[in-house]
Amino acid sequence: MSDDFFDYLHELFSDFGPISTRAMFGGHGVYFDGRIIGIVIDDALYLKADDETKPAFEAAGCAPFVYESRGKVVPMSYWSLPADAMDSPQAFTPWARRANEAALRKPIKPARKKRAR
């Protein structure tokens, strides 16, 4: 993720709350209060969606992030944003709230124990 895009993300989230980012799988995870609420791939932001928030993303003409695995296209639960949501923190905040709500509804999986070798 470029430094400019990183700064831009922090500006977008400024009305919502402080975020952190971590490198993962060729991109970055975007975290709020310890939960992942978005991903950044090639300087494009995708926010977490679930069955309750997906209709808002679909109505705005957004699309899920997809990747290819074993010849199949696999959609993820992270969606693009409407262009106007990326214009200002005020326009962006409702989308950040939706992503956080989706993250809060997803149960946290317990950490897997490593097996002794």
N, C-alpha and C. Protein backbone atom coordinates (compact mmCIF):
# COMPACT_ATOMS: atom_id res chain seq x y z
N MET A 1 0.86 -1.17 0.00
CA MET A 1 0.00 0.00 0.00
C MET A 1 0.91 1.23 0.00
N SER A 2 0.60 2.15 -0.88
CA SER A 2 1.43 3.36 -0.95
C SER A 2 1.19 4.24 0.28
N ASP A 3 2.19 5.02 0.63
CA ASP A 3 2.06 5.93 1.77
C ASP A 3 0.93 6.92 1.55
N ASP A 4 0.77 7.39 0.31
CA ASP A 4 -0.31 8.33 0.01
C ASP A 4 -1.67 7.70 0.26
N PHE A 5 -1.84 6.44 -0.16
CA PHE A 5 -3.13 5.78 0.05
C PHE A 5 -3.35 5.51 1.54
N PHE A 6 -2.29 5.14 2.25
CA PHE A 6 -2.38 4.93 3.68
C PHE A 6 -2.85 6.21 4.38
N ASP A 7 -2.26 7.35 4.03
CA ASP A 7 -2.69 8.63 4.61
C ASP A 7 -4.14 8.94 4.26
N TYR A 8 -4.51 8.67 3.02
CA TYR A 8 -5.88 8.89 2.55
C TYR A 8 -6.87 8.04 3.34
N LEU A 9 -6.52 6.79 3.61
CA LEU A 9 -7.40 5.91 4.41
C LEU A 9 -7.64 6.49 5.80
N HIS A 10 -6.58 6.93 6.44
CA HIS A 10 -6.72 7.50 7.77
C HIS A 10 -7.60 8.75 7.74
N GLU A 11 -7.49 9.51 6.69
CA GLU A 11 -8.35 10.70 6.54
C GLU A 11 -9.81 10.26 6.37
N LEU A 12 -10.06 9.27 5.50
CA LEU A 12 -11.44 8.79 5.29
C LEU A 12 -12.06 8.30 6.59
N PHE A 13 -11.30 7.57 7.39
CA PHE A 13 -11.82 7.00 8.63
C PHE A 13 -11.85 8.00 9.79
N SER A 14 -11.39 9.23 9.57
CA SER A 14 -11.24 10.19 10.67
C SER A 14 -12.54 10.48 11.42
N ASP A 15 -13.68 10.52 10.75
CA ASP A 15 -14.95 10.75 11.44
C ASP A 15 -15.49 9.49 12.11
N PHE A 16 -14.98 8.33 11.70
CA PHE A 16 -15.45 7.05 12.24
C PHE A 16 -14.64 6.64 13.46
N GLY A 17 -13.33 6.64 13.34
CA GLY A 17 -12.48 6.24 14.44
C GLY A 17 -11.12 5.79 13.95
N PRO A 18 -10.18 5.57 14.88
CA PRO A 18 -8.81 5.21 14.49
C PRO A 18 -8.75 3.78 13.96
N ILE A 19 -8.00 3.61 12.89
CA ILE A 19 -7.80 2.29 12.30
C ILE A 19 -6.33 1.92 12.35
N SER A 20 -6.07 0.65 12.15
CA SER A 20 -4.70 0.19 11.95
C SER A 20 -4.71 -0.72 10.73
N THR A 21 -3.56 -0.93 10.14
CA THR A 21 -3.46 -1.79 8.97
C THR A 21 -2.32 -2.78 9.19
N ARG A 22 -2.48 -3.95 8.59
CA ARG A 22 -1.44 -4.99 8.64
C ARG A 22 -1.33 -5.65 7.28
N ALA A 23 -0.11 -5.90 6.86
CA ALA A 23 0.12 -6.61 5.60
C ALA A 23 -0.43 -8.03 5.72
N MET A 24 -1.08 -8.48 4.65
CA MET A 24 -1.62 -9.84 4.60
C MET A 24 -1.93 -10.24 3.16
N PHE A 25 -1.58 -11.43 2.77
CA PHE A 25 -1.96 -12.02 1.49
C PHE A 25 -1.79 -11.09 0.29
N GLY A 26 -0.70 -10.39 0.20
CA GLY A 26 -0.47 -9.51 -0.94
C GLY A 26 -1.20 -8.19 -0.86
N GLY A 27 -1.86 -7.94 0.25
CA GLY A 27 -2.57 -6.68 0.45
C GLY A 27 -2.43 -6.27 1.90
N HIS A 28 -3.42 -5.57 2.41
CA HIS A 28 -3.42 -5.14 3.80
C HIS A 28 -4.82 -5.32 4.39
N GLY A 29 -4.86 -5.68 5.66
CA GLY A 29 -6.11 -5.70 6.40
C GLY A 29 -6.30 -4.36 7.09
N VAL A 30 -7.55 -3.91 7.18
CA VAL A 30 -7.87 -2.66 7.87
C VAL A 30 -8.64 -3.06 9.13
N TYR A 31 -8.14 -2.64 10.29
CA TYR A 31 -8.69 -3.06 11.57
C TYR A 31 -9.23 -1.87 12.36
N PHE A 32 -10.35 -2.12 13.04
CA PHE A 32 -10.93 -1.15 13.96
C PHE A 32 -11.27 -1.91 15.24
N ASP A 33 -10.80 -1.45 16.35
CA ASP A 33 -11.03 -2.12 17.65
C ASP A 33 -10.66 -3.60 17.60
N GLY A 34 -9.57 -3.92 16.90
CA GLY A 34 -9.08 -5.28 16.86
C GLY A 34 -9.78 -6.21 15.90
N ARG A 35 -10.79 -5.72 15.18
CA ARG A 35 -11.52 -6.56 14.22
C ARG A 35 -11.25 -6.06 12.81
N ILE A 36 -11.11 -7.00 11.88
CA ILE A 36 -10.88 -6.61 10.49
C ILE A 36 -12.20 -6.13 9.89
N ILE A 37 -12.17 -4.94 9.32
CA ILE A 37 -13.38 -4.39 8.71
C ILE A 37 -13.17 -4.09 7.23
N GLY A 38 -11.96 -4.27 6.74
CA GLY A 38 -11.70 -4.01 5.34
C GLY A 38 -10.39 -4.60 4.89
N ILE A 39 -10.22 -4.60 3.57
CA ILE A 39 -8.96 -5.01 2.98
C ILE A 39 -8.58 -3.99 1.91
N VAL A 40 -7.28 -3.86 1.70
CA VAL A 40 -6.77 -3.01 0.63
C VAL A 40 -5.95 -3.89 -0.29
N ILE A 41 -6.33 -3.91 -1.54
CA ILE A 41 -5.62 -4.65 -2.57
C ILE A 41 -5.32 -3.66 -3.69
N ASP A 42 -4.06 -3.52 -4.07
CA ASP A 42 -3.66 -2.61 -5.15
C ASP A 42 -4.24 -1.21 -4.96
N ASP A 43 -4.11 -0.67 -3.77
CA ASP A 43 -4.61 0.67 -3.43
C ASP A 43 -6.10 0.85 -3.70
N ALA A 44 -6.86 -0.23 -3.56
CA ALA A 44 -8.32 -0.17 -3.63
C ALA A 44 -8.86 -0.72 -2.31
N LEU A 45 -9.82 -0.03 -1.72
CA LEU A 45 -10.40 -0.42 -0.44
C LEU A 45 -11.68 -1.21 -0.66
N TYR A 46 -11.82 -2.30 0.09
CA TYR A 46 -13.03 -3.11 0.11
C TYR A 46 -13.44 -3.25 1.56
N LEU A 47 -14.72 -3.02 1.86
CA LEU A 47 -15.19 -3.11 3.25
C LEU A 47 -16.01 -4.36 3.47
N LYS A 48 -15.97 -4.86 4.70
CA LYS A 48 -16.67 -6.08 5.10
C LYS A 48 -18.18 -5.89 4.96
N ALA A 49 -18.82 -6.91 4.43
CA ALA A 49 -20.27 -6.93 4.30
C ALA A 49 -20.78 -8.29 4.74
N ASP A 50 -22.03 -8.33 5.14
CA ASP A 50 -22.67 -9.61 5.49
C ASP A 50 -24.09 -9.58 4.92
N ASP A 51 -24.90 -10.56 5.28
CA ASP A 51 -26.25 -10.64 4.72
C ASP A 51 -27.09 -9.40 5.03
N GLU A 52 -26.83 -8.74 6.15
CA GLU A 52 -27.60 -7.56 6.52
C GLU A 52 -27.15 -6.30 5.79
N THR A 53 -25.87 -6.20 5.47
CA THR A 53 -25.36 -4.98 4.84
C THR A 53 -25.15 -5.11 3.33
N LYS A 54 -25.09 -6.33 2.83
CA LYS A 54 -24.85 -6.56 1.40
C LYS A 54 -25.87 -5.83 0.51
N PRO A 55 -27.16 -5.80 0.88
CA PRO A 55 -28.12 -5.08 0.01
C PRO A 55 -27.76 -3.61 -0.22
N ALA A 56 -27.22 -2.93 0.78
CA ALA A 56 -26.83 -1.53 0.62
C ALA A 56 -25.68 -1.41 -0.39
N PHE A 57 -24.72 -2.34 -0.32
CA PHE A 57 -23.61 -2.32 -1.26
C PHE A 57 -24.12 -2.62 -2.68
N GLU A 58 -24.99 -3.62 -2.80
CA GLU A 58 -25.55 -3.96 -4.11
C GLU A 58 -26.34 -2.80 -4.70
N ALA A 59 -27.16 -2.15 -3.89
CA ALA A 59 -27.98 -1.02 -4.35
C ALA A 59 -27.13 0.15 -4.83
N ALA A 60 -25.94 0.28 -4.27
CA ALA A 60 -25.03 1.37 -4.66
C ALA A 60 -24.15 0.99 -5.85
N GLY A 61 -24.36 -0.22 -6.40
CA GLY A 61 -23.60 -0.64 -7.57
C GLY A 61 -22.21 -1.17 -7.26
N CYS A 62 -21.99 -1.56 -6.02
CA CYS A 62 -20.68 -2.08 -5.60
C CYS A 62 -20.58 -3.56 -5.94
N ALA A 63 -19.38 -4.10 -5.84
CA ALA A 63 -19.16 -5.50 -6.17
C ALA A 63 -18.20 -6.11 -5.15
N PRO A 64 -18.32 -7.43 -4.92
CA PRO A 64 -17.39 -8.08 -3.99
C PRO A 64 -16.00 -8.21 -4.59
N PHE A 65 -15.01 -8.24 -3.72
CA PHE A 65 -13.66 -8.56 -4.16
C PHE A 65 -13.66 -10.05 -4.50
N VAL A 66 -13.08 -10.41 -5.64
CA VAL A 66 -13.01 -11.81 -6.05
C VAL A 66 -11.56 -12.17 -6.35
N TYR A 67 -11.26 -13.44 -6.17
CA TYR A 67 -9.95 -13.96 -6.55
C TYR A 67 -10.17 -15.31 -7.22
N GLU A 68 -9.16 -15.78 -7.91
CA GLU A 68 -9.26 -17.06 -8.59
C GLU A 68 -8.49 -18.11 -7.81
N SER A 69 -9.13 -19.26 -7.63
CA SER A 69 -8.50 -20.38 -6.94
C SER A 69 -8.89 -21.67 -7.65
N ARG A 70 -7.90 -22.39 -8.10
CA ARG A 70 -8.11 -23.67 -8.78
C ARG A 70 -9.09 -23.53 -9.95
N GLY A 71 -8.94 -22.45 -10.69
CA GLY A 71 -9.77 -22.24 -11.87
C GLY A 71 -11.17 -21.71 -11.59
N LYS A 72 -11.48 -21.42 -10.35
CA LYS A 72 -12.80 -20.90 -9.99
C LYS A 72 -12.68 -19.49 -9.44
N VAL A 73 -13.69 -18.67 -9.73
CA VAL A 73 -13.74 -17.32 -9.17
C VAL A 73 -14.41 -17.40 -7.81
N VAL A 74 -13.73 -16.87 -6.79
CA VAL A 74 -14.21 -16.95 -5.42
C VAL A 74 -14.50 -15.54 -4.90
N PRO A 75 -15.78 -15.22 -4.62
CA PRO A 75 -16.08 -13.90 -4.05
C PRO A 75 -15.81 -13.90 -2.55
N MET A 76 -15.33 -12.77 -2.06
CA MET A 76 -15.10 -12.62 -0.62
C MET A 76 -16.20 -11.75 -0.03
N SER A 77 -16.20 -11.62 1.27
CA SER A 77 -17.22 -10.82 1.95
C SER A 77 -16.77 -9.36 2.12
N TYR A 78 -15.90 -8.92 1.22
CA TYR A 78 -15.42 -7.54 1.21
C TYR A 78 -15.85 -6.90 -0.10
N TRP A 79 -16.50 -5.73 -0.01
CA TRP A 79 -17.11 -5.10 -1.17
C TRP A 79 -16.48 -3.75 -1.49
N SER A 80 -16.48 -3.43 -2.77
CA SER A 80 -16.03 -2.11 -3.21
C SER A 80 -17.01 -1.06 -2.70
N LEU A 81 -16.65 0.19 -2.87
CA LEU A 81 -17.48 1.30 -2.39
C LEU A 81 -17.92 2.17 -3.55
N PRO A 82 -19.05 2.86 -3.39
CA PRO A 82 -19.42 3.82 -4.43
C PRO A 82 -18.39 4.95 -4.47
N ALA A 83 -18.15 5.50 -5.65
CA ALA A 83 -17.12 6.53 -5.82
C ALA A 83 -17.33 7.71 -4.88
N ASP A 84 -18.58 8.13 -4.69
CA ASP A 84 -18.82 9.31 -3.85
C ASP A 84 -18.50 9.05 -2.37
N ALA A 85 -18.50 7.78 -1.96
CA ALA A 85 -18.15 7.46 -0.57
C ALA A 85 -16.67 7.73 -0.30
N MET A 86 -15.88 7.75 -1.36
CA MET A 86 -14.44 7.95 -1.22
C MET A 86 -14.07 9.44 -1.28
N ASP A 87 -15.07 10.32 -1.39
CA ASP A 87 -14.82 11.75 -1.54
C ASP A 87 -14.53 12.47 -0.24
N SER A 88 -15.12 12.00 0.87
CA SER A 88 -14.95 12.73 2.13
C SER A 88 -15.22 11.80 3.31
N PRO A 89 -14.69 12.14 4.47
CA PRO A 89 -14.98 11.35 5.66
C PRO A 89 -16.49 11.29 5.96
N GLN A 90 -17.20 12.37 5.70
CA GLN A 90 -18.64 12.40 5.96
C GLN A 90 -19.40 11.42 5.06
N ALA A 91 -19.03 11.35 3.79
CA ALA A 91 -19.68 10.43 2.86
C ALA A 91 -19.26 8.98 3.14
N PHE A 92 -18.07 8.82 3.67
CA PHE A 92 -17.51 7.48 3.91
C PHE A 92 -18.02 6.83 5.20
N THR A 93 -18.27 7.62 6.23
CA THR A 93 -18.58 7.09 7.55
C THR A 93 -19.74 6.09 7.58
N PRO A 94 -20.87 6.31 6.87
CA PRO A 94 -21.94 5.29 6.91
C PRO A 94 -21.47 3.93 6.40
N TRP A 95 -20.56 3.92 5.44
CA TRP A 95 -20.03 2.65 4.92
C TRP A 95 -19.11 1.99 5.93
N ALA A 96 -18.32 2.79 6.63
CA ALA A 96 -17.45 2.25 7.68
C ALA A 96 -18.29 1.65 8.80
N ARG A 97 -19.39 2.30 9.14
CA ARG A 97 -20.29 1.76 10.18
C ARG A 97 -20.87 0.42 9.75
N ARG A 98 -21.28 0.32 8.49
CA ARG A 98 -21.82 -0.96 7.99
C ARG A 98 -20.77 -2.06 8.11
N ALA A 99 -19.54 -1.74 7.74
CA ALA A 99 -18.46 -2.73 7.81
C ALA A 99 -18.20 -3.15 9.25
N ASN A 100 -18.20 -2.20 10.15
CA ASN A 100 -17.98 -2.52 11.56
C ASN A 100 -19.13 -3.36 12.11
N GLU A 101 -20.37 -3.02 11.74
CA GLU A 101 -21.52 -3.81 12.20
C GLU A 101 -21.41 -5.25 11.70
N ALA A 102 -21.00 -5.43 10.44
CA ALA A 102 -20.83 -6.79 9.90
C ALA A 102 -19.74 -7.53 10.66
N ALA A 103 -18.65 -6.84 10.97
CA ALA A 103 -17.55 -7.46 11.72
C ALA A 103 -18.00 -7.85 13.12
N LEU A 104 -18.80 -7.00 13.75
CA LEU A 104 -19.28 -7.30 15.10
C LEU A 104 -20.23 -8.50 15.12
N ARG A 105 -20.97 -8.70 14.04
CA ARG A 105 -21.89 -9.84 13.98
C ARG A 105 -21.17 -11.16 13.72
N LYS A 106 -19.96 -11.10 13.17
CA LYS A 106 -19.22 -12.32 12.87
C LYS A 106 -18.54 -12.81 14.14
N PRO A 107 -18.83 -14.04 14.55
CA PRO A 107 -18.19 -14.55 15.77
C PRO A 107 -16.68 -14.68 15.59
N ILE A 108 -15.97 -14.43 16.66
CA ILE A 108 -14.51 -14.59 16.64
C ILE A 108 -14.19 -16.07 16.86
N LYS A 109 -13.39 -16.60 15.96
CA LYS A 109 -12.98 -18.00 16.10
C LYS A 109 -11.88 -18.09 17.15
N PRO A 110 -11.95 -19.10 18.00
CA PRO A 110 -10.87 -19.26 18.98
C PRO A 110 -9.56 -19.58 18.26
N ALA A 111 -8.46 -19.14 18.82
CA ALA A 111 -7.15 -19.40 18.23
C ALA A 111 -6.90 -20.90 18.21
N ARG A 112 -6.36 -21.35 17.08
CA ARG A 112 -6.05 -22.78 16.96
C ARG A 112 -4.75 -23.07 17.67
N LYS A 113 -4.75 -24.17 18.39
CA LYS A 113 -3.53 -24.60 19.08
C LYS A 113 -2.61 -25.28 18.10
N LYS A 114 -1.34 -24.99 18.20
CA LYS A 114 -0.37 -25.63 17.36
C LYS A 114 -0.06 -27.01 17.91
N ARG A 115 0.02 -27.96 17.01
CA ARG A 115 0.33 -29.32 17.44
C ARG A 115 1.83 -29.48 17.63
N ALA A 116 2.20 -30.24 18.63
CA ALA A 116 3.61 -30.55 18.86
C ALA A 116 4.08 -31.52 17.79
N ARG A 117 5.30 -31.33 17.38
CA ARG A 117 5.85 -32.22 16.33
C ARG A 117 6.74 -33.25 16.94
